[in-house]
Amino acid sequence: MTVTFGFAALIASPFNIISNFGLVTVLSVVFALITTFTVFVVLMIRMEIRREVLENAKQELKKAMALINNQSWRKMNGS
């Protein structure tokens, strides 16, 4: 917010170039702030879901490998 208000002060400049620079910079900072609070939140949620899916897949793989090892051990010992 400080950056936005600081560059917004340039909009009041009598020089057209500086005024336009202030306007463009304020719009860019506001757009970046809105993007940060919307798009990145959605991305973080999706990444968390993907992480949970991968963790569940790892657990299932460990269970399957343990079952396979247990069955092969039984075959080798004649049980």
PDB file of N, CA and C in Angstrom:
ATOM      1  N   MET A   1       0.828  -1.187   0.000  1.00  0.00           N
ATOM      2  CA  MET A   1       0.000   0.000   0.000  1.00  0.00           C
ATOM      3  C   MET A   1       0.874   1.253   0.000  1.00  0.00           C
ATOM      4  N   THR A   2       1.989   1.194   0.696  1.00  0.00           N
ATOM      5  CA  THR A   2       2.876   2.356   0.740  1.00  0.00           C
ATOM      6  C   THR A   2       3.429   2.663  -0.635  1.00  0.00           C
ATOM      7  N   VAL A   3       3.808   1.627  -1.354  1.00  0.00           N
ATOM      8  CA  VAL A   3       4.338   1.817  -2.708  1.00  0.00           C
ATOM      9  C   VAL A   3       3.259   2.419  -3.611  1.00  0.00           C
ATOM     10  N   THR A   4       2.050   1.920  -3.479  1.00  0.00           N
ATOM     11  CA  THR A   4       0.952   2.416  -4.308  1.00  0.00           C
ATOM     12  C   THR A   4       0.706   3.896  -4.042  1.00  0.00           C
ATOM     13  N   PHE A   5       0.624   4.262  -2.757  1.00  0.00           N
ATOM     14  CA  PHE A   5       0.380   5.671  -2.444  1.00  0.00           C
ATOM     15  C   PHE A   5       1.567   6.553  -2.818  1.00  0.00           C
ATOM     16  N   GLY A   6       2.771   6.024  -2.696  1.00  0.00           N
ATOM     17  CA  GLY A   6       3.950   6.797  -3.077  1.00  0.00           C
ATOM     18  C   GLY A   6       3.975   7.115  -4.562  1.00  0.00           C
ATOM     19  N   PHE A   7       3.680   6.115  -5.386  1.00  0.00           N
ATOM     20  CA  PHE A   7       3.654   6.366  -6.821  1.00  0.00           C
ATOM     21  C   PHE A   7       2.399   7.122  -7.240  1.00  0.00           C
ATOM     22  N   ALA A   8       1.336   7.009  -6.451  1.00  0.00           N
ATOM     23  CA  ALA A   8       0.113   7.764  -6.776  1.00  0.00           C
ATOM     24  C   ALA A   8       0.351   9.261  -6.643  1.00  0.00           C
ATOM     25  N   ALA A   9       1.303   9.650  -5.806  1.00  0.00           N
ATOM     26  CA  ALA A   9       1.628  11.073  -5.680  1.00  0.00           C
ATOM     27  C   ALA A   9       2.200  11.630  -6.983  1.00  0.00           C
ATOM     28  N   LEU A  10       2.811  10.777  -7.789  1.00  0.00           N
ATOM     29  CA  LEU A  10       3.362  11.240  -9.064  1.00  0.00           C
ATOM     30  C   LEU A  10       2.269  11.604 -10.061  1.00  0.00           C
ATOM     31  N   ILE A  11       1.072  11.079  -9.874  1.00  0.00           N
ATOM     32  CA  ILE A  11      -0.026  11.364 -10.803  1.00  0.00           C
ATOM     33  C   ILE A  11      -0.385  12.849 -10.769  1.00  0.00           C
ATOM     34  N   ALA A  12      -0.163  13.507  -9.637  1.00  0.00           N
ATOM     35  CA  ALA A  12      -0.485  14.931  -9.499  1.00  0.00           C
ATOM     36  C   ALA A  12       0.570  15.838 -10.126  1.00  0.00           C
ATOM     37  N   SER A  13       1.611  15.269 -10.692  1.00  0.00           N
ATOM     38  CA  SER A  13       2.687  16.075 -11.275  1.00  0.00           C
ATOM     39  C   SER A  13       2.186  16.826 -12.513  1.00  0.00           C
ATOM     40  N   PRO A  14       2.660  18.060 -12.697  1.00  0.00           N
ATOM     41  CA  PRO A  14       2.250  18.817 -13.892  1.00  0.00           C
ATOM     42  C   PRO A  14       2.905  18.300 -15.182  1.00  0.00           C
ATOM     43  N   PHE A  15       3.958  17.517 -15.042  1.00  0.00           N
ATOM     44  CA  PHE A  15       4.625  16.958 -16.221  1.00  0.00           C
ATOM     45  C   PHE A  15       3.891  15.693 -16.651  1.00  0.00           C
ATOM     46  N   ASN A  16       3.551  15.641 -17.921  1.00  0.00           N
ATOM     47  CA  ASN A  16       2.736  14.544 -18.440  1.00  0.00           C
ATOM     48  C   ASN A  16       3.458  13.192 -18.337  1.00  0.00           C
ATOM     49  N   ILE A  17       4.730  13.152 -18.614  1.00  0.00           N
ATOM     50  CA  ILE A  17       5.475  11.896 -18.581  1.00  0.00           C
ATOM     51  C   ILE A  17       5.514  11.325 -17.158  1.00  0.00           C
ATOM     52  N   ILE A  18       5.787  12.177 -16.191  1.00  0.00           N
ATOM     53  CA  ILE A  18       5.857  11.715 -14.801  1.00  0.00           C
ATOM     54  C   ILE A  18       4.468  11.293 -14.313  1.00  0.00           C
ATOM     55  N   SER A  19       3.444  12.029 -14.719  1.00  0.00           N
ATOM     56  CA  SER A  19       2.075  11.683 -14.338  1.00  0.00           C
ATOM     57  C   SER A  19       1.676  10.324 -14.912  1.00  0.00           C
ATOM     58  N   ASN A  20       2.008  10.101 -16.178  1.00  0.00           N
ATOM     59  CA  ASN A  20       1.703   8.801 -16.797  1.00  0.00           C
ATOM     60  C   ASN A  20       2.491   7.667 -16.155  1.00  0.00           C
ATOM     61  N   PHE A  21       3.751   7.943 -15.815  1.00  0.00           N
ATOM     62  CA  PHE A  21       4.568   6.937 -15.133  1.00  0.00           C
ATOM     63  C   PHE A  21       3.938   6.551 -13.799  1.00  0.00           C
ATOM     64  N   GLY A  22       3.472   7.542 -13.057  1.00  0.00           N
ATOM     65  CA  GLY A  22       2.821   7.270 -11.778  1.00  0.00           C
ATOM     66  C   GLY A  22       1.569   6.427 -11.960  1.00  0.00           C
ATOM     67  N   LEU A  23       0.771   6.741 -12.954  1.00  0.00           N
ATOM     68  CA  LEU A  23      -0.468   6.014 -13.209  1.00  0.00           C
ATOM     69  C   LEU A  23      -0.181   4.560 -13.593  1.00  0.00           C
ATOM     70  N   VAL A  24       0.745   4.368 -14.503  1.00  0.00           N
ATOM     71  CA  VAL A  24       1.077   3.010 -14.956  1.00  0.00           C
ATOM     72  C   VAL A  24       1.665   2.196 -13.805  1.00  0.00           C
ATOM     73  N   THR A  25       2.514   2.805 -13.020  1.00  0.00           N
ATOM     74  CA  THR A  25       3.130   2.087 -11.903  1.00  0.00           C
ATOM     75  C   THR A  25       2.095   1.709 -10.847  1.00  0.00           C
ATOM     76  N   VAL A  26       1.191   2.624 -10.549  1.00  0.00           N
ATOM     77  CA  VAL A  26       0.133   2.315  -9.568  1.00  0.00           C
ATOM     78  C   VAL A  26      -0.734   1.169 -10.076  1.00  0.00           C
ATOM     79  N   LEU A  27      -1.129   1.208 -11.325  1.00  0.00           N
ATOM     80  CA  LEU A  27      -1.951   0.131 -11.882  1.00  0.00           C
ATOM     81  C   LEU A  27      -1.203  -1.199 -11.871  1.00  0.00           C
ATOM     82  N   SER A  28       0.081  -1.174 -12.159  1.00  0.00           N
ATOM     83  CA  SER A  28       0.881  -2.405 -12.150  1.00  0.00           C
ATOM     84  C   SER A  28       0.993  -2.990 -10.750  1.00  0.00           C
ATOM     85  N   VAL A  29       1.235  -2.150  -9.784  1.00  0.00           N
ATOM     86  CA  VAL A  29       1.374  -2.637  -8.403  1.00  0.00           C
ATOM     87  C   VAL A  29       0.039  -3.183  -7.898  1.00  0.00           C
ATOM     88  N   VAL A  30      -1.049  -2.496  -8.187  1.00  0.00           N
ATOM     89  CA  VAL A  30      -2.373  -2.974  -7.756  1.00  0.00           C
ATOM     90  C   VAL A  30      -2.702  -4.302  -8.435  1.00  0.00           C
ATOM     91  N   PHE A  31      -2.406  -4.414  -9.714  1.00  0.00           N
ATOM     92  CA  PHE A  31      -2.651  -5.673 -10.422  1.00  0.00           C
ATOM     93  C   PHE A  31      -1.808  -6.809  -9.832  1.00  0.00           C
ATOM     94  N   ALA A  32      -0.551  -6.523  -9.514  1.00  0.00           N
ATOM     95  CA  ALA A  32       0.311  -7.548  -8.904  1.00  0.00           C
ATOM     96  C   ALA A  32      -0.219  -7.954  -7.532  1.00  0.00           C
ATOM     97  N   LEU A  33      -0.728  -7.004  -6.774  1.00  0.00           N
ATOM     98  CA  LEU A  33      -1.277  -7.319  -5.455  1.00  0.00           C
ATOM     99  C   LEU A  33      -2.532  -8.177  -5.568  1.00  0.00           C
ATOM    100  N   ILE A  34      -3.408  -7.839  -6.482  1.00  0.00           N
ATOM    101  CA  ILE A  34      -4.625  -8.630  -6.700  1.00  0.00           C
ATOM    102  C   ILE A  34      -4.265 -10.041  -7.164  1.00  0.00           C
ATOM    103  N   THR A  35      -3.309 -10.134  -8.061  1.00  0.00           N
ATOM    104  CA  THR A  35      -2.872 -11.440  -8.549  1.00  0.00           C
ATOM    105  C   THR A  35      -2.295 -12.288  -7.420  1.00  0.00           C
ATOM    106  N   THR A  36      -1.528 -11.652  -6.547  1.00  0.00           N
ATOM    107  CA  THR A  36      -0.929 -12.376  -5.437  1.00  0.00           C
ATOM    108  C   THR A  36      -1.990 -12.982  -4.530  1.00  0.00           C
ATOM    109  N   PHE A  37      -3.031 -12.244  -4.257  1.00  0.00           N
ATOM    110  CA  PHE A  37      -4.052 -12.726  -3.323  1.00  0.00           C
ATOM    111  C   PHE A  37      -5.110 -13.607  -3.967  1.00  0.00           C
ATOM    112  N   THR A  38      -5.114 -13.742  -5.273  1.00  0.00           N
ATOM    113  CA  THR A  38      -6.104 -14.609  -5.919  1.00  0.00           C
ATOM    114  C   THR A  38      -5.438 -15.820  -6.567  1.00  0.00           C
ATOM    115  N   VAL A  39      -4.599 -15.587  -7.533  1.00  0.00           N
ATOM    116  CA  VAL A  39      -4.008 -16.684  -8.298  1.00  0.00           C
ATOM    117  C   VAL A  39      -3.084 -17.539  -7.438  1.00  0.00           C
ATOM    118  N   PHE A  40      -2.245 -16.917  -6.633  1.00  0.00           N
ATOM    119  CA  PHE A  40      -1.297 -17.689  -5.842  1.00  0.00           C
ATOM    120  C   PHE A  40      -1.983 -18.529  -4.773  1.00  0.00           C
ATOM    121  N   VAL A  41      -3.097 -18.038  -4.233  1.00  0.00           N
ATOM    122  CA  VAL A  41      -3.837 -18.818  -3.248  1.00  0.00           C
ATOM    123  C   VAL A  41      -4.381 -20.090  -3.897  1.00  0.00           C
ATOM    124  N   VAL A  42      -4.927 -19.943  -5.089  1.00  0.00           N
ATOM    125  CA  VAL A  42      -5.448 -21.111  -5.812  1.00  0.00           C
ATOM    126  C   VAL A  42      -4.315 -22.087  -6.126  1.00  0.00           C
ATOM    127  N   LEU A  43      -3.184 -21.579  -6.544  1.00  0.00           N
ATOM    128  CA  LEU A  43      -2.041 -22.446  -6.839  1.00  0.00           C
ATOM    129  C   LEU A  43      -1.555 -23.175  -5.591  1.00  0.00           C
ATOM    130  N   MET A  44      -1.523 -22.501  -4.459  1.00  0.00           N
ATOM    131  CA  MET A  44      -1.080 -23.154  -3.232  1.00  0.00           C
ATOM    132  C   MET A  44      -2.047 -24.261  -2.819  1.00  0.00           C
ATOM    133  N   ILE A  45      -3.337 -24.033  -2.979  1.00  0.00           N
ATOM    134  CA  ILE A  45      -4.321 -25.061  -2.650  1.00  0.00           C
ATOM    135  C   ILE A  45      -4.144 -26.272  -3.563  1.00  0.00           C
ATOM    136  N   ARG A  46      -3.970 -26.027  -4.845  1.00  0.00           N
ATOM    137  CA  ARG A  46      -3.783 -27.137  -5.785  1.00  0.00           C
ATOM    138  C   ARG A  46      -2.498 -27.906  -5.495  1.00  0.00           C
ATOM    139  N   MET A  47      -1.441 -27.197  -5.126  1.00  0.00           N
ATOM    140  CA  MET A  47      -0.186 -27.866  -4.795  1.00  0.00           C
ATOM    141  C   MET A  47      -0.344 -28.707  -3.539  1.00  0.00           C
ATOM    142  N   GLU A  48      -1.123 -28.238  -2.569  1.00  0.00           N
ATOM    143  CA  GLU A  48      -1.350 -29.014  -1.349  1.00  0.00           C
ATOM    144  C   GLU A  48      -2.132 -30.283  -1.665  1.00  0.00           C
ATOM    145  N   ILE A  49      -3.124 -30.180  -2.519  1.00  0.00           N
ATOM    146  CA  ILE A  49      -3.898 -31.365  -2.923  1.00  0.00           C
ATOM    147  C   ILE A  49      -2.987 -32.366  -3.623  1.00  0.00           C
ATOM    148  N   ARG A  50      -2.143 -31.874  -4.513  1.00  0.00           N
ATOM    149  CA  ARG A  50      -1.219 -32.761  -5.224  1.00  0.00           C
ATOM    150  C   ARG A  50      -0.247 -33.429  -4.254  1.00  0.00           C
ATOM    151  N   ARG A  51       0.213 -32.687  -3.244  1.00  0.00           N
ATOM    152  CA  ARG A  51       1.122 -33.248  -2.251  1.00  0.00           C
ATOM    153  C   ARG A  51       0.439 -34.361  -1.467  1.00  0.00           C
ATOM    154  N   GLU A  52      -0.817 -34.143  -1.099  1.00  0.00           N
ATOM    155  CA  GLU A  52      -1.554 -35.175  -0.369  1.00  0.00           C
ATOM    156  C   GLU A  52      -1.736 -36.430  -1.222  1.00  0.00           C
ATOM    157  N   VAL A  53      -2.023 -36.246  -2.501  1.00  0.00           N
ATOM    158  CA  VAL A  53      -2.183 -37.398  -3.396  1.00  0.00           C
ATOM    159  C   VAL A  53      -0.877 -38.173  -3.498  1.00  0.00           C
ATOM    160  N   LEU A  54       0.234 -37.468  -3.632  1.00  0.00           N
ATOM    161  CA  LEU A  54       1.534 -38.137  -3.719  1.00  0.00           C
ATOM    162  C   LEU A  54       1.880 -38.870  -2.425  1.00  0.00           C
ATOM    163  N   GLU A  55       1.570 -38.255  -1.285  1.00  0.00           N
ATOM    164  CA  GLU A  55       1.836 -38.920  -0.010  1.00  0.00           C
ATOM    165  C   GLU A  55       1.006 -40.192   0.128  1.00  0.00           C
ATOM    166  N   ASN A  56      -0.262 -40.132  -0.280  1.00  0.00           N
ATOM    167  CA  ASN A  56      -1.106 -41.332  -0.230  1.00  0.00           C
ATOM    168  C   ASN A  56      -0.584 -42.417  -1.167  1.00  0.00           C
ATOM    169  N   ALA A  57      -0.121 -42.017  -2.343  1.00  0.00           N
ATOM    170  CA  ALA A  57       0.428 -42.987  -3.292  1.00  0.00           C
ATOM    171  C   ALA A  57       1.693 -43.642  -2.725  1.00  0.00           C
ATOM    172  N   LYS A  58       2.535 -42.857  -2.055  1.00  0.00           N
ATOM    173  CA  LYS A  58       3.740 -43.421  -1.442  1.00  0.00           C
ATOM    174  C   LYS A  58       3.378 -44.438  -0.363  1.00  0.00           C
ATOM    175  N   GLN A  59       2.385 -44.121   0.450  1.00  0.00           N
ATOM    176  CA  GLN A  59       1.967 -45.053   1.505  1.00  0.00           C
ATOM    177  C   GLN A  59       1.423 -46.345   0.904  1.00  0.00           C
ATOM    178  N   GLU A  60       0.623 -46.232  -0.135  1.00  0.00           N
ATOM    179  CA  GLU A  60       0.079 -47.420  -0.791  1.00  0.00           C
ATOM    180  C   GLU A  60       1.184 -48.261  -1.427  1.00  0.00           C
ATOM    181  N   LEU A  61       2.178 -47.609  -2.003  1.00  0.00           N
ATOM    182  CA  LEU A  61       3.307 -48.326  -2.597  1.00  0.00           C
ATOM    183  C   LEU A  61       4.102 -49.072  -1.525  1.00  0.00           C
ATOM    184  N   LYS A  62       4.307 -48.428  -0.390  1.00  0.00           N
ATOM    185  CA  LYS A  62       5.018 -49.093   0.703  1.00  0.00           C
ATOM    186  C   LYS A  62       4.249 -50.320   1.182  1.00  0.00           C
ATOM    187  N   LYS A  63       2.935 -50.197   1.300  1.00  0.00           N
ATOM    188  CA  LYS A  63       2.116 -51.336   1.718  1.00  0.00           C
ATOM    189  C   LYS A  63       2.210 -52.470   0.699  1.00  0.00           C
ATOM    190  N   ALA A  64       2.157 -52.135  -0.587  1.00  0.00           N
ATOM    191  CA  ALA A  64       2.230 -53.158  -1.635  1.00  0.00           C
ATOM    192  C   ALA A  64       3.590 -53.840  -1.633  1.00  0.00           C
ATOM    193  N   MET A  65       4.657 -53.060  -1.463  1.00  0.00           N
ATOM    194  CA  MET A  65       6.000 -53.648  -1.436  1.00  0.00           C
ATOM    195  C   MET A  65       6.170 -54.553  -0.223  1.00  0.00           C
ATOM    196  N   ALA A  66       5.628 -54.160   0.913  1.00  0.00           N
ATOM    197  CA  ALA A  66       5.714 -55.003   2.108  1.00  0.00           C
ATOM    198  C   ALA A  66       4.947 -56.302   1.898  1.00  0.00           C
ATOM    199  N   LEU A  67       3.789 -56.230   1.268  1.00  0.00           N
ATOM    200  CA  LEU A  67       3.000 -57.425   0.995  1.00  0.00           C
ATOM    201  C   LEU A  67       3.732 -58.358   0.035  1.00  0.00           C
ATOM    202  N   ILE A  68       4.326 -57.792  -1.010  1.00  0.00           N
ATOM    203  CA  ILE A  68       5.083 -58.600  -1.971  1.00  0.00           C
ATOM    204  C   ILE A  68       6.267 -59.267  -1.286  1.00  0.00           C
ATOM    205  N   ASN A  69       6.999 -58.497  -0.464  1.00  0.00           N
ATOM    206  CA  ASN A  69       8.148 -59.058   0.244  1.00  0.00           C
ATOM    207  C   ASN A  69       7.716 -60.154   1.203  1.00  0.00           C
ATOM    208  N   ASN A  70       6.593 -59.966   1.870  1.00  0.00           N
ATOM    209  CA  ASN A  70       6.092 -60.963   2.804  1.00  0.00           C
ATOM    210  C   ASN A  70       5.705 -62.246   2.071  1.00  0.00           C
ATOM    211  N   GLN A  71       5.052 -62.118   0.923  1.00  0.00           N
ATOM    212  CA  GLN A  71       4.651 -63.289   0.150  1.00  0.00           C
ATOM    213  C   GLN A  71       5.859 -64.025  -0.405  1.00  0.00           C
ATOM    214  N   SER A  72       6.851 -63.296  -0.890  1.00  0.00           N
ATOM    215  CA  SER A  72       8.046 -63.949  -1.427  1.00  0.00           C
ATOM    216  C   SER A  72       8.835 -64.611  -0.315  1.00  0.00           C
ATOM    217  N   TRP A  73       8.839 -64.054   0.887  1.00  0.00           N
ATOM    218  CA  TRP A  73       9.531 -64.668   2.009  1.00  0.00           C
ATOM    219  C   TRP A  73       8.856 -65.990   2.388  1.00  0.00           C
ATOM    220  N   ARG A  74       7.515 -65.985   2.358  1.00  0.00           N
ATOM    221  CA  ARG A  74       6.790 -67.213   2.676  1.00  0.00           C
ATOM    222  C   ARG A  74       7.083 -68.315   1.641  1.00  0.00           C
ATOM    223  N   LYS A  75       7.152 -67.943   0.369  1.00  0.00           N
ATOM    224  CA  LYS A  75       7.441 -68.934  -0.680  1.00  0.00           C
ATOM    225  C   LYS A  75       8.831 -69.525  -0.517  1.00  0.00           C
ATOM    226  N   MET A  76       9.794 -68.681  -0.151  1.00  0.00           N
ATOM    227  CA  MET A  76      11.167 -69.149   0.011  1.00  0.00           C
ATOM    228  C   MET A  76      11.295 -70.075   1.212  1.00  0.00           C
ATOM    229  N   ASN A  77      10.524 -69.866   2.248  1.00  0.00           N
ATOM    230  CA  ASN A  77      10.621 -70.691   3.454  1.00  0.00           C
ATOM    231  C   ASN A  77       9.656 -71.859   3.429  1.00  0.00           C
ATOM    232  N   GLY A  78       8.896 -72.005   2.367  1.00  0.00           N
ATOM    233  CA  GLY A  78       8.023 -73.158   2.208  1.00  0.00           C
ATOM    234  C   GLY A  78       6.761 -73.109   3.034  1.00  0.00           C
ATOM    235  N   SER A  79       6.358 -71.960   3.443  1.00  0.00           N
ATOM    236  CA  SER A  79       5.145 -71.859   4.256  1.00  0.00           C
ATOM    237  C   SER A  79       3.912 -71.831   3.405  1.00  0.00           C
TER     238      SER A  79
END
